[in-house]
C-alpha atoms as a PDB file:
ATOM      1  CA  UNK A   1      15.126 -33.868  -0.668  1.00  0.00           C
ATOM      2  CA  UNK A   2      16.135 -31.883  -3.771  1.00  0.00           C
ATOM      3  CA  UNK A   3      19.314 -30.851  -1.947  1.00  0.00           C
ATOM      4  CA  UNK A   4      20.362 -34.494  -1.457  1.00  0.00           C
ATOM      5  CA  UNK A   5      19.524 -35.473  -5.035  1.00  0.00           C
ATOM      6  CA  UNK A   6      21.576 -32.559  -6.378  1.00  0.00           C
ATOM      7  CA  UNK A   7      24.502 -33.596  -4.149  1.00  0.00           C
ATOM      8  CA  UNK A   8      24.385 -37.176  -5.482  1.00  0.00           C
ATOM      9  CA  UNK A   9      24.128 -35.975  -9.090  1.00  0.00           C
ATOM     10  CA  UNK A  10      27.175 -33.727  -8.603  1.00  0.00           C
ATOM     11  CA  UNK A  11      29.177 -36.570  -7.054  1.00  0.00           C
ATOM     12  CA  UNK A  12      28.273 -38.911  -9.932  1.00  0.00           C
ATOM     13  CA  UNK A  13      29.298 -36.236 -12.453  1.00  0.00           C
ATOM     14  CA  UNK A  14      32.590 -35.786 -10.586  1.00  0.00           C
ATOM     15  CA  UNK A  15      33.231 -39.531 -10.648  1.00  0.00           C
ATOM     16  CA  UNK A  16      32.549 -39.630 -14.403  1.00  0.00           C
ATOM     17  CA  UNK A  17      35.011 -36.774 -14.963  1.00  0.00           C
ATOM     18  CA  UNK A  18      37.617 -38.439 -12.719  1.00  0.00           C
ATOM     19  CA  UNK A  19      37.246 -41.751 -14.558  1.00  0.00           C
ATOM     20  CA  UNK A  20      37.557 -39.976 -17.914  1.00  0.00           C
ATOM     21  CA  UNK A  21      40.705 -38.183 -16.765  1.00  0.00           C
ATOM     22  CA  UNK A  22      42.235 -41.434 -15.513  1.00  0.00           C
ATOM     23  CA  UNK A  23      41.359 -43.358 -18.655  1.00  0.00           C
ATOM     24  CA  UNK A  24      42.636 -40.660 -21.013  1.00  0.00           C
ATOM     25  CA  UNK A  25      45.900 -40.250 -19.116  1.00  0.00           C
ATOM     26  CA  UNK A  26      46.388 -44.017 -19.002  1.00  0.00           C
ATOM     27  CA  UNK A  27      45.786 -44.453 -22.734  1.00  0.00           C
ATOM     28  CA  UNK A  28      47.124 -41.265 -24.324  1.00  0.00           C
ATOM     29  CA  UNK A  29      49.253 -39.642 -21.579  1.00  0.00           C
ATOM     30  CA  UNK A  30      47.206 -36.444 -21.712  1.00  0.00           C
ATOM     31  CA  UNK A  31      44.767 -34.902 -19.251  1.00  0.00           C
ATOM     32  CA  UNK A  32      42.057 -33.004 -21.141  1.00  0.00           C
ATOM     33  CA  UNK A  33      40.959 -29.619 -19.855  1.00  0.00           C
ATOM     34  CA  UNK A  34      37.410 -30.401 -20.980  1.00  0.00           C
ATOM     35  CA  UNK A  35      37.220 -32.838 -18.026  1.00  0.00           C
ATOM     36  CA  UNK A  36      39.339 -30.864 -15.560  1.00  0.00           C
ATOM     37  CA  UNK A  37      37.212 -27.704 -15.672  1.00  0.00           C
ATOM     38  CA  UNK A  38      33.907 -29.429 -14.781  1.00  0.00           C
ATOM     39  CA  UNK A  39      35.670 -31.358 -12.005  1.00  0.00           C
ATOM     40  CA  UNK A  40      37.000 -28.085 -10.610  1.00  0.00           C
ATOM     41  CA  UNK A  41      33.602 -26.359 -10.825  1.00  0.00           C
ATOM     42  CA  UNK A  42      31.845 -29.304  -9.179  1.00  0.00           C
ATOM     43  CA  UNK A  43      34.446 -29.232  -6.413  1.00  0.00           C
ATOM     44  CA  UNK A  44      33.856 -25.535  -5.827  1.00  0.00           C
ATOM     45  CA  UNK A  45      30.082 -26.022  -5.725  1.00  0.00           C
ATOM     46  CA  UNK A  46      30.311 -28.957  -3.323  1.00  0.00           C
ATOM     47  CA  UNK A  47      32.761 -27.317  -0.922  1.00  0.00           C
ATOM     48  CA  UNK A  48      30.683 -24.119  -0.878  1.00  0.00           C
ATOM     49  CA  UNK A  49      27.127 -25.394  -0.603  1.00  0.00           C
ATOM     50  CA  UNK A  50      27.220 -28.924   0.789  1.00  0.00           C
ATOM     51  CA  UNK A  51      28.629 -30.511   3.947  1.00  0.00           C
ATOM     52  CA  UNK A  52      32.173 -31.526   3.004  1.00  0.00           C
ATOM     53  CA  UNK A  53      35.233 -32.410   5.105  1.00  0.00           C
ATOM     54  CA  UNK A  54      37.174 -29.371   3.862  1.00  0.00           C
ATOM     55  CA  UNK A  55      36.195 -25.744   3.694  1.00  0.00           C
ATOM     56  CA  UNK A  56      36.441 -23.595   0.602  1.00  0.00           C
ATOM     57  CA  UNK A  57      39.256 -21.550   2.137  1.00  0.00           C
ATOM     58  CA  UNK A  58      41.279 -24.669   2.942  1.00  0.00           C
ATOM     59  CA  UNK A  59      40.645 -25.937  -0.578  1.00  0.00           C
ATOM     60  CA  UNK A  60      41.847 -22.671  -2.125  1.00  0.00           C
ATOM     61  CA  UNK A  61      45.009 -22.698  -0.012  1.00  0.00           C
ATOM     62  CA  UNK A  62      45.651 -26.332  -0.919  1.00  0.00           C
ATOM     63  CA  UNK A  63      45.067 -25.577  -4.618  1.00  0.00           C
ATOM     64  CA  UNK A  64      47.718 -22.857  -4.546  1.00  0.00           C
ATOM     65  CA  UNK A  65      50.039 -25.172  -2.607  1.00  0.00           C
ATOM     66  CA  UNK A  66      49.460 -28.003  -5.094  1.00  0.00           C
ATOM     67  CA  UNK A  67      50.152 -25.708  -8.029  1.00  0.00           C
ATOM     68  CA  UNK A  68      53.340 -24.344  -6.460  1.00  0.00           C
ATOM     69  CA  UNK A  69      54.595 -27.789  -5.497  1.00  0.00           C
ATOM     70  CA  UNK A  70      53.944 -29.250  -8.934  1.00  0.00           C
ATOM     71  CA  UNK A  71      55.557 -26.286 -10.673  1.00  0.00           C
ATOM     72  CA  UNK A  72      58.657 -26.562  -8.500  1.00  0.00           C
ATOM     73  CA  UNK A  73      58.938 -30.276  -9.272  1.00  0.00           C
ATOM     74  CA  UNK A  74      58.422 -29.583 -12.973  1.00  0.00           C
ATOM     75  CA  UNK A  75      61.087 -26.854 -13.035  1.00  0.00           C
ATOM     76  CA  UNK A  76      63.581 -29.094 -11.220  1.00  0.00           C
ATOM     77  CA  UNK A  77      63.017 -31.959 -13.662  1.00  0.00           C
ATOM     78  CA  UNK A  78      63.140 -29.559 -16.609  1.00  0.00           C
ATOM     79  CA  UNK A  79      66.470 -28.187 -15.373  1.00  0.00           C
ATOM     80  CA  UNK A  80      67.858 -31.722 -14.953  1.00  0.00           C
ATOM     81  CA  UNK A  81      66.678 -32.725 -18.429  1.00  0.00           C
ATOM     82  CA  UNK A  82      68.218 -29.624 -20.034  1.00  0.00           C
ATOM     83  CA  UNK A  83      71.565 -30.466 -18.456  1.00  0.00           C
ATOM     84  CA  UNK A  84      71.260 -34.001 -19.881  1.00  0.00           C
ATOM     85  CA  UNK A  85      70.132 -32.546 -23.239  1.00  0.00           C
ATOM     86  CA  UNK A  86      66.835 -34.449 -23.148  1.00  0.00           C
ATOM     87  CA  UNK A  87      63.523 -33.046 -24.302  1.00  0.00           C
ATOM     88  CA  UNK A  88      60.993 -35.233 -22.504  1.00  0.00           C
ATOM     89  CA  UNK A  89      59.309 -33.806 -19.439  1.00  0.00           C
ATOM     90  CA  UNK A  90      58.180 -36.123 -16.660  1.00  0.00           C
ATOM     91  CA  UNK A  91      55.420 -33.841 -15.388  1.00  0.00           C
ATOM     92  CA  UNK A  92      53.017 -32.042 -17.657  1.00  0.00           C
ATOM     93  CA  UNK A  93      50.670 -29.109 -17.228  1.00  0.00           C
ATOM     94  CA  UNK A  94      47.720 -31.492 -17.000  1.00  0.00           C
ATOM     95  CA  UNK A  95      49.263 -33.085 -13.914  1.00  0.00           C
ATOM     96  CA  UNK A  96      49.824 -29.664 -12.404  1.00  0.00           C
ATOM     97  CA  UNK A  97      46.214 -28.621 -13.046  1.00  0.00           C
ATOM     98  CA  UNK A  98      45.024 -31.944 -11.637  1.00  0.00           C
ATOM     99  CA  UNK A  99      46.855 -31.191  -8.390  1.00  0.00           C
ATOM    100  CA  UNK A 100      45.084 -27.828  -8.239  1.00  0.00           C
ATOM    101  CA  UNK A 101      41.720 -29.555  -8.630  1.00  0.00           C
ATOM    102  CA  UNK A 102      42.760 -32.135  -6.040  1.00  0.00           C
ATOM    103  CA  UNK A 103      43.629 -29.344  -3.632  1.00  0.00           C
ATOM    104  CA  UNK A 104      40.179 -27.789  -4.106  1.00  0.00           C
ATOM    105  CA  UNK A 105      38.468 -31.091  -3.375  1.00  0.00           C
ATOM    106  CA  UNK A 106      40.688 -32.432  -0.591  1.00  0.00           C
ATOM    107  CA  UNK A 107      42.185 -29.499   1.272  1.00  0.00           C
ATOM    108  CA  UNK A 108      45.798 -29.352   2.442  1.00  0.00           C
ATOM    109  CA  UNK A 109      45.796 -32.521   4.542  1.00  0.00           C
ATOM    110  CA  UNK A 110      43.938 -34.567   1.956  1.00  0.00           C
ATOM    111  CA  UNK A 111      46.166 -33.305  -0.858  1.00  0.00           C
ATOM    112  CA  UNK A 112      49.283 -34.334   1.052  1.00  0.00           C
ATOM    113  CA  UNK A 113      47.849 -37.813   1.700  1.00  0.00           C
ATOM    114  CA  UNK A 114      46.769 -38.188  -1.931  1.00  0.00           C
ATOM    115  CA  UNK A 115      50.201 -37.189  -3.218  1.00  0.00           C
ATOM    116  CA  UNK A 116      51.975 -39.646  -0.924  1.00  0.00           C
ATOM    117  CA  UNK A 117      49.635 -42.486  -1.907  1.00  0.00           C
ATOM    118  CA  UNK A 118      49.908 -41.614  -5.612  1.00  0.00           C
ATOM    119  CA  UNK A 119      53.692 -41.353  -5.606  1.00  0.00           C
ATOM    120  CA  UNK A 120      54.177 -44.636  -3.747  1.00  0.00           C
ATOM    121  CA  UNK A 121      51.663 -46.492  -5.935  1.00  0.00           C
ATOM    122  CA  UNK A 122      53.088 -44.995  -9.140  1.00  0.00           C
ATOM    123  CA  UNK A 123      56.638 -45.843  -8.088  1.00  0.00           C
ATOM    124  CA  UNK A 124      55.721 -49.437  -7.297  1.00  0.00           C
ATOM    125  CA  UNK A 125      53.837 -49.789 -10.585  1.00  0.00           C
ATOM    126  CA  UNK A 126      56.667 -48.181 -12.579  1.00  0.00           C
ATOM    127  CA  UNK A 127      59.337 -50.409 -11.033  1.00  0.00           C
ATOM    128  CA  UNK A 128      57.244 -53.531 -11.416  1.00  0.00           C
ATOM    129  CA  UNK A 129      56.332 -52.848 -15.057  1.00  0.00           C
ATOM    130  CA  UNK A 130      59.731 -51.260 -15.833  1.00  0.00           C
ATOM    131  CA  UNK A 131      58.029 -48.238 -17.361  1.00  0.00           C
ATOM    132  CA  UNK A 132      59.870 -45.078 -18.336  1.00  0.00           C
ATOM    133  CA  UNK A 133      56.737 -42.912 -18.213  1.00  0.00           C
ATOM    134  CA  UNK A 134      54.038 -43.350 -15.600  1.00  0.00           C
ATOM    135  CA  UNK A 135      50.527 -41.916 -16.055  1.00  0.00           C
ATOM    136  CA  UNK A 136      50.081 -39.951 -12.839  1.00  0.00           C
ATOM    137  CA  UNK A 137      46.354 -39.180 -13.000  1.00  0.00           C
ATOM    138  CA  UNK A 138      45.009 -42.680 -12.240  1.00  0.00           C
ATOM    139  CA  UNK A 139      47.259 -42.977  -9.200  1.00  0.00           C
ATOM    140  CA  UNK A 140      46.479 -39.439  -8.007  1.00  0.00           C
ATOM    141  CA  UNK A 141      42.719 -39.883  -8.383  1.00  0.00           C
ATOM    142  CA  UNK A 142      42.860 -43.221  -6.541  1.00  0.00           C
ATOM    143  CA  UNK A 143      44.964 -41.585  -3.839  1.00  0.00           C
ATOM    144  CA  UNK A 144      42.500 -38.711  -3.683  1.00  0.00           C
ATOM    145  CA  UNK A 145      39.536 -41.034  -3.196  1.00  0.00           C
ATOM    146  CA  UNK A 146      41.382 -42.973  -0.480  1.00  0.00           C
ATOM    147  CA  UNK A 147      42.423 -39.701   1.135  1.00  0.00           C
ATOM    148  CA  UNK A 148      38.831 -38.449   1.071  1.00  0.00           C
ATOM    149  CA  UNK A 149      37.613 -41.649   2.694  1.00  0.00           C
ATOM    150  CA  UNK A 150      40.314 -41.372   5.359  1.00  0.00           C
ATOM    151  CA  UNK A 151      39.493 -37.720   5.956  1.00  0.00           C
ATOM    152  CA  UNK A 152      35.765 -38.360   6.280  1.00  0.00           C
ATOM    153  CA  UNK A 153      35.918 -41.408   8.526  1.00  0.00           C
ATOM    154  CA  UNK A 154      39.237 -41.439  10.346  1.00  0.00           C
ATOM    155  CA  UNK A 155      40.142 -37.844  11.039  1.00  0.00           C
END
């Protein structure tokens, strides 16, 4: 009984952190570490001690993969912007850390699905609204939730 209540409390805390990250990125284009760290710790606790679709090892591998992928994308865009003599960066360190946390929660398969969903949704929103900068966190978190649902029920 206590085990189930603790699991629900942790999931509610994770949802609050995820909503705060999405809201802050949407409004101020920044992802605060004060919300990322608890989300990461909750993810580690849940994947270690509760029944979850991904294992801790798969989550750790996906976190490293997410970090490497985001850093490669960031370096490529940074190189392109330096050649154009621009100083704005399209991907920030908060987005990179969010992909690490997403990898811990979702595993490799879930992270790939979440990234595809987030990129497609962000691209559609950016084209439709004609935005130069797109807040990535709301789209990634939505993609992560959809990916988690697909992983739990369809795979």
